[in-house]
Protein backbone atom coordinates (compact mmCIF):
# COMPACT_ATOMS: atom_id res chain seq x y z
CA MET A 1 -123.43 -124.09 -134.52
CA LEU A 2 -123.13 -125.04 -130.88
CA VAL A 3 -126.49 -123.42 -130.17
CA LEU A 4 -128.17 -125.28 -133.04
CA ASP A 5 -126.63 -128.54 -131.92
CA PHE A 6 -127.91 -127.90 -128.41
CA PHE A 7 -131.49 -127.37 -129.62
CA ASP A 8 -131.22 -130.41 -131.88
CA ASN A 9 -130.21 -132.47 -128.89
CA ILE A 10 -133.17 -131.10 -126.89
CA LEU A 11 -135.57 -131.92 -129.73
CA ASP A 12 -134.15 -135.40 -129.99
CA LEU A 13 -135.38 -135.98 -126.45
CA PHE A 14 -138.97 -135.50 -127.63
CA TYR A 15 -138.87 -137.69 -130.74
CA ASP A 16 -138.21 -141.35 -131.30
CA SER A 17 -136.29 -142.94 -134.17
CA ASN A 18 -139.39 -142.76 -136.40
CA GLY A 19 -139.67 -139.01 -135.96
CA GLU A 20 -142.81 -139.26 -133.79
CA ILE A 21 -143.35 -137.73 -130.38
CA ASN A 22 -142.15 -140.12 -127.71
CA LEU A 23 -143.61 -140.96 -124.29
CA PHE A 24 -141.36 -138.46 -122.49
CA ALA A 25 -142.60 -135.62 -124.70
CA LYS A 26 -146.21 -136.63 -124.10
CA PHE A 27 -145.59 -136.57 -120.37
CA VAL A 28 -143.96 -133.13 -120.56
CA PHE A 29 -146.79 -131.73 -122.68
CA SER A 30 -149.34 -133.15 -120.22
CA VAL A 31 -147.59 -131.44 -117.34
CA VAL A 32 -147.64 -128.14 -119.26
CA VAL A 33 -151.37 -128.55 -119.95
CA VAL A 34 -152.04 -129.20 -116.26
CA ILE A 35 -150.00 -126.15 -115.22
CA LEU A 36 -151.79 -123.92 -117.75
CA THR A 37 -155.14 -125.26 -116.61
CA LYS A 38 -154.39 -124.45 -112.98
CA ILE A 39 -153.29 -120.94 -113.94
CA ILE A 40 -156.46 -120.36 -115.95
CA VAL A 41 -158.67 -121.67 -113.12
CA TYR A 42 -156.86 -119.49 -110.59
CA ILE A 43 -157.23 -116.35 -112.70
CA LEU A 44 -160.92 -116.93 -113.45
CA THR A 45 -161.95 -117.87 -109.91
CA LYS A 46 -159.98 -115.08 -108.24
CA GLY A 47 -161.27 -112.60 -110.78
CA PHE A 48 -164.84 -113.69 -110.10
CA ASP A 49 -164.29 -113.43 -106.32
CA LYS A 50 -163.04 -109.85 -106.70
CA LEU A 51 -165.97 -108.98 -108.96
CA ILE A 52 -168.47 -110.22 -106.37
CA ALA A 53 -166.65 -108.42 -103.54
CA LYS A 54 -166.57 -105.18 -105.53
CA ASN A 55 -170.28 -105.17 -106.41
CA ASN A 56 -171.59 -106.46 -103.05
CA ARG A 57 -170.23 -104.94 -99.87
CA PRO A 58 -170.30 -106.34 -97.31
CA ILE A 59 -170.26 -109.88 -98.72
CA GLU A 60 -173.27 -111.79 -97.42
CA GLY A 61 -173.83 -115.53 -97.12
CA ARG A 62 -175.77 -115.60 -100.35
CA GLN A 63 -172.82 -114.12 -102.32
CA ILE A 64 -170.45 -116.65 -100.75
CA THR A 65 -172.77 -119.52 -101.68
CA VAL A 66 -173.14 -118.37 -105.28
CA THR A 67 -169.41 -117.67 -105.65
CA LYS A 68 -168.44 -121.14 -104.46
CA LEU A 69 -170.99 -122.76 -106.72
CA LEU A 70 -169.91 -120.90 -109.84
CA ASN A 71 -166.22 -121.34 -109.06
CA ASN A 72 -166.71 -125.10 -108.74
CA THR A 73 -168.64 -125.14 -112.02
CA ILE A 74 -165.80 -123.31 -113.76
CA LYS A 75 -163.25 -125.71 -112.33
CA TYR A 76 -165.16 -128.81 -113.42
CA ILE A 77 -165.60 -127.55 -116.97
CA ILE A 78 -161.95 -126.52 -117.42
CA TYR A 79 -160.63 -129.69 -115.77
CA PHE A 80 -162.83 -131.78 -118.05
CA PHE A 81 -161.29 -130.23 -121.15
CA CYS A 82 -157.84 -130.57 -119.56
CA ILE A 83 -158.37 -134.34 -119.20
CA VAL A 84 -159.62 -134.55 -122.77
CA ALA A 85 -156.54 -132.64 -124.02
CA ILE A 86 -154.19 -134.99 -122.12
CA LEU A 87 -155.93 -138.05 -123.49
CA ASP A 88 -155.64 -136.58 -126.97
CA ILE A 89 -151.90 -136.13 -126.45
CA PHE A 90 -151.57 -139.84 -125.62
CA GLY A 91 -153.51 -140.79 -128.73
CA VAL A 92 -156.84 -141.61 -127.16
CA LYS A 93 -159.80 -140.95 -129.47
CA THR A 94 -161.53 -138.10 -127.67
CA ASP A 95 -164.20 -137.47 -130.28
CA LYS A 96 -166.17 -140.45 -128.94
CA ILE A 97 -165.74 -139.18 -125.39
CA LEU A 98 -167.08 -135.77 -126.35
CA ALA A 99 -169.95 -137.36 -128.24
CA THR A 100 -170.76 -139.56 -125.25
CA ALA A 101 -170.61 -136.53 -122.95
CA GLY A 102 -172.98 -134.71 -125.25
CA ILE A 103 -175.46 -137.58 -125.33
CA GLY A 104 -175.09 -138.03 -121.55
CA GLY A 105 -175.72 -134.33 -121.07
CA VAL A 106 -178.94 -134.53 -123.02
CA ALA A 107 -180.04 -137.58 -121.02
CA ILE A 108 -179.21 -135.86 -117.76
CA GLY A 109 -181.02 -132.75 -118.97
CA PHE A 110 -184.22 -134.76 -119.50
CA GLY A 111 -183.85 -136.92 -116.42
CA ALA A 112 -182.81 -134.21 -113.97
CA GLN A 113 -184.81 -131.25 -115.32
CA PHE A 114 -186.61 -130.80 -111.99
CA ILE A 115 -183.31 -130.73 -110.08
CA ILE A 116 -181.91 -128.17 -112.51
CA ARG A 117 -185.09 -126.10 -112.14
CA ASP A 118 -184.77 -126.22 -108.35
CA VAL A 119 -181.11 -125.16 -108.46
CA ILE A 120 -181.80 -122.26 -110.83
CA SER A 121 -184.68 -121.11 -108.60
CA GLY A 122 -182.42 -121.40 -105.55
CA LEU A 123 -179.81 -119.21 -107.22
CA ALA A 124 -182.50 -116.64 -108.03
CA ILE A 125 -183.66 -116.60 -104.39
CA ILE A 126 -180.09 -116.09 -103.16
CA PHE A 127 -179.14 -113.47 -105.77
CA GLU A 128 -182.35 -111.47 -105.30
CA ASN A 129 -182.19 -111.82 -101.50
CA GLN A 130 -185.87 -112.80 -101.37
CA PHE A 131 -185.41 -114.31 -97.91
CA LYS A 132 -182.66 -115.76 -95.75
CA VAL A 133 -182.20 -118.04 -92.76
CA ASN A 134 -184.18 -116.98 -89.66
CA ASP A 135 -186.60 -114.84 -91.68
CA HIS A 136 -190.30 -115.10 -90.89
CA VAL A 137 -191.95 -115.98 -94.17
CA MET A 138 -195.04 -117.41 -95.77
CA ILE A 139 -194.24 -119.58 -98.82
CA ASN A 140 -197.04 -121.13 -100.84
CA GLY A 141 -199.36 -120.61 -97.87
CA ILE A 142 -196.94 -122.19 -95.37
CA GLU A 143 -195.87 -119.81 -92.61
CA GLY A 144 -192.86 -120.19 -90.35
CA ILE A 145 -189.18 -119.44 -89.82
CA VAL A 146 -186.61 -120.29 -92.48
CA GLN A 147 -184.30 -122.90 -90.97
CA GLU A 148 -182.26 -123.72 -94.05
CA LEU A 149 -181.89 -122.20 -97.49
CA GLY A 150 -180.26 -124.53 -99.99
CA LEU A 151 -179.85 -124.47 -103.73
CA ARG A 152 -182.48 -127.17 -104.14
CA LEU A 153 -184.63 -127.11 -101.00
CA THR A 154 -185.91 -124.58 -98.50
CA LYS A 155 -186.66 -125.80 -94.97
CA ILE A 156 -189.30 -123.92 -92.96
CA LYS A 157 -190.18 -124.58 -89.34
CA GLY A 158 -193.82 -123.83 -88.58
CA PHE A 159 -194.98 -122.27 -85.32
CA ASP A 160 -196.48 -125.60 -84.29
CA GLY A 161 -193.02 -127.22 -84.54
CA SER A 162 -193.59 -128.97 -87.86
CA VAL A 163 -190.83 -128.79 -90.49
CA HIS A 164 -191.74 -128.19 -94.13
CA LEU A 165 -189.42 -128.96 -97.05
CA ILE A 166 -190.23 -127.03 -100.20
CA SER A 167 -188.47 -127.50 -103.56
CA ASN A 168 -187.20 -124.12 -104.72
CA GLY A 169 -188.67 -124.74 -108.16
CA GLN A 170 -192.13 -125.03 -106.63
CA ILE A 171 -191.98 -121.73 -104.78
CA ASN A 172 -194.58 -119.49 -106.38
CA THR A 173 -195.52 -116.94 -103.73
CA VAL A 174 -193.24 -115.58 -101.00
CA THR A 175 -194.28 -113.20 -98.24
CA ASN A 176 -191.36 -112.01 -96.11
CA PHE A 177 -192.46 -110.56 -92.77
CA SER A 178 -188.90 -109.77 -91.70
CA LYS A 179 -187.90 -107.27 -94.39
CA GLU A 180 -189.95 -104.15 -93.64
CA ASN A 181 -191.77 -102.55 -90.74
CA GLN A 182 -194.98 -104.37 -89.87
CA ARG A 183 -198.44 -103.16 -88.95
CA ILE A 184 -199.83 -103.65 -85.47
CA GLU A 185 -203.47 -104.56 -85.95
CA VAL A 186 -206.03 -105.36 -83.29
CA LYS A 187 -209.75 -105.79 -83.83
CA MET A 188 -212.11 -106.26 -80.91
CA GLN A 189 -215.82 -106.23 -80.19
CA VAL A 190 -216.94 -103.94 -77.43
CA PRO A 191 -220.37 -103.06 -76.02
CA ILE A 192 -222.08 -100.34 -78.03
CA ARG A 193 -223.65 -98.82 -74.92
CA TYR A 194 -220.42 -96.97 -74.05
CA GLU A 195 -219.30 -93.88 -75.96
CA LEU A 196 -216.54 -94.23 -78.54
CA GLU A 197 -214.41 -91.60 -76.81
CA LYS A 198 -214.13 -93.79 -73.70
CA TYR A 199 -212.57 -96.52 -75.78
CA ARG A 200 -210.35 -94.01 -77.55
CA GLU A 201 -209.14 -92.71 -74.19
CA ILE A 202 -208.13 -96.24 -73.11
CA ILE A 203 -206.31 -96.92 -76.37
CA ASP A 204 -204.42 -93.59 -76.18
CA GLU A 205 -203.26 -94.43 -72.66
CA ILE A 206 -202.08 -97.85 -73.80
CA SER A 207 -200.23 -96.32 -76.76
CA GLU A 208 -198.36 -93.87 -74.56
CA GLU A 209 -197.28 -96.66 -72.23
CA LEU A 210 -196.09 -98.82 -75.12
CA VAL A 211 -194.07 -96.00 -76.69
CA GLU A 212 -192.33 -95.31 -73.37
CA LYS A 213 -191.64 -99.01 -72.79
CA TYR A 214 -190.50 -100.09 -76.28
CA THR A 215 -188.18 -98.36 -78.72
CA ASP A 216 -189.05 -100.27 -81.89
CA ILE A 217 -192.55 -98.85 -82.25
CA ILE A 218 -192.43 -96.71 -85.40
CA GLU A 219 -195.97 -95.38 -85.24
CA LYS A 220 -197.89 -95.58 -81.98
CA PRO A 221 -201.15 -97.53 -82.04
CA LYS A 222 -204.36 -95.52 -82.38
CA LEU A 223 -208.04 -96.12 -82.80
CA ILE A 224 -208.84 -96.03 -86.52
CA GLY A 225 -212.58 -96.27 -86.05
CA ILE A 226 -215.53 -98.61 -86.04
CA ASP A 227 -215.30 -101.53 -88.44
CA LYS A 228 -218.69 -103.16 -87.84
CA ILE A 229 -221.83 -102.47 -85.82
CA GLY A 230 -224.01 -105.19 -84.34
CA VAL A 231 -227.15 -105.19 -82.27
CA SER A 232 -225.37 -104.70 -78.96
CA ASN A 233 -221.72 -104.37 -79.91
CA MET A 234 -219.33 -102.79 -82.37
CA THR A 235 -215.94 -103.80 -83.75
CA LEU A 236 -213.06 -101.40 -83.16
CA THR A 237 -209.92 -101.35 -85.31
CA ILE A 238 -206.55 -100.32 -83.84
CA TRP A 239 -203.54 -99.75 -86.05
CA GLY A 240 -199.91 -98.98 -85.36
CA ARG A 241 -196.53 -99.76 -86.92
CA CYS A 242 -193.38 -101.34 -85.54
CA LYS A 243 -190.22 -103.14 -86.58
CA ALA A 244 -190.54 -106.63 -88.00
CA GLU A 245 -191.30 -109.55 -85.70
CA SER A 246 -192.57 -107.35 -82.85
CA GLN A 247 -196.18 -106.85 -83.93
CA TYR A 248 -197.52 -109.99 -82.25
CA LEU A 249 -196.10 -108.97 -78.89
CA TYR A 250 -197.77 -105.57 -79.08
CA GLN A 251 -201.07 -107.01 -80.31
CA ARG A 252 -201.23 -109.28 -77.26
CA GLU A 253 -200.21 -106.52 -74.90
CA ILE A 254 -202.78 -104.07 -76.29
CA MET A 255 -205.55 -106.59 -75.75
CA ALA A 256 -204.40 -107.46 -72.22
CA LYS A 257 -204.02 -103.81 -71.21
CA PHE A 258 -207.38 -102.93 -72.77
CA ILE A 259 -209.14 -105.48 -70.54
CA GLN A 260 -207.25 -104.23 -67.47
CA LYS A 261 -207.96 -100.55 -68.06
CA ALA A 262 -211.59 -101.20 -68.98
CA LYS A 263 -212.08 -102.88 -65.62
CA GLU A 264 -210.38 -99.97 -63.87
CA LYS A 265 -212.85 -97.60 -65.56
CA SER A 266 -215.82 -99.86 -64.71
CA ILE A 267 -216.43 -100.74 -68.38
CA ASP A 268 -217.92 -104.23 -68.67
CA LEU A 269 -216.51 -105.80 -71.84
CA ASN A 270 -218.08 -109.16 -71.06
CA TYR A 271 -215.59 -110.94 -73.40
CA TYR A 272 -216.69 -109.13 -76.54
CA PHE A 273 -213.58 -109.90 -78.53
CA VAL A 274 -213.98 -111.01 -82.14
CA ALA A 275 -214.42 -114.78 -82.28
CA GLY A 276 -211.21 -116.40 -83.46
CA GLU A 277 -209.14 -113.22 -83.56
CA GLU A 278 -207.67 -113.75 -80.11
CA TYR A 279 -206.65 -117.32 -80.92
CA GLU A 280 -205.19 -116.26 -84.25
CA ILE A 281 -202.91 -113.72 -82.57
CA GLN A 282 -201.91 -116.09 -79.77
CA GLY A 283 -201.08 -118.78 -82.32
CA LYS A 284 -198.36 -116.56 -83.77
């Protein structure tokens, strides 16, 4: 009997004289809802963090960005329903709130569809590791170095110093020059009056010097052959392969060394480089 009386006394604390839940009970129930909400949020966010860490080792900046974004989204959704539940406990009509939220969501969906598209595209870029900060890329025909990769915008700094802001949702074509080994390619016009083997000898000497000097040359440059033949000149093509971001250095050095060695061998090139090709390489 004492135990039953004790529980009756406890229950009396939560009900008023009319047998309805009193303000104290509503406050207690609200505290319980808040505590349960925090526990649920903690379990979900920590579980998601462990899942990301397990499937992606080591954790990169893109995983951290995505994890924070999704964790915040989970928190906002759960906290929203927590507030609705507390308001319901205090007798506030939440059906109108939910209806308003639904209508507002539709309005936001129509009004901010481009923002949502940009964010989804940004998540895809980060998840798929298409490119990252400091990568040398060409996006929609714009070439430069990635300065900033956000969920909505990508900032690229061109080689002329200009800064380009591109909405992630508008990114259609991405060329990443920093992912794989790159080809060293040099094309030059030389007088046709000299034998091809003389030019090949110069190029082989240059290749040996480059391989001894640099360690990131994967495949030493070599003369591929004649690309075009003119009245008094021909176009030679030189190919090699190196690690990303080094090809422009080697292209310049091959051309400079070719001029030097040609002079040493009394070969008059008379500036027979392909028009525009030299400026294109220097512009990199």
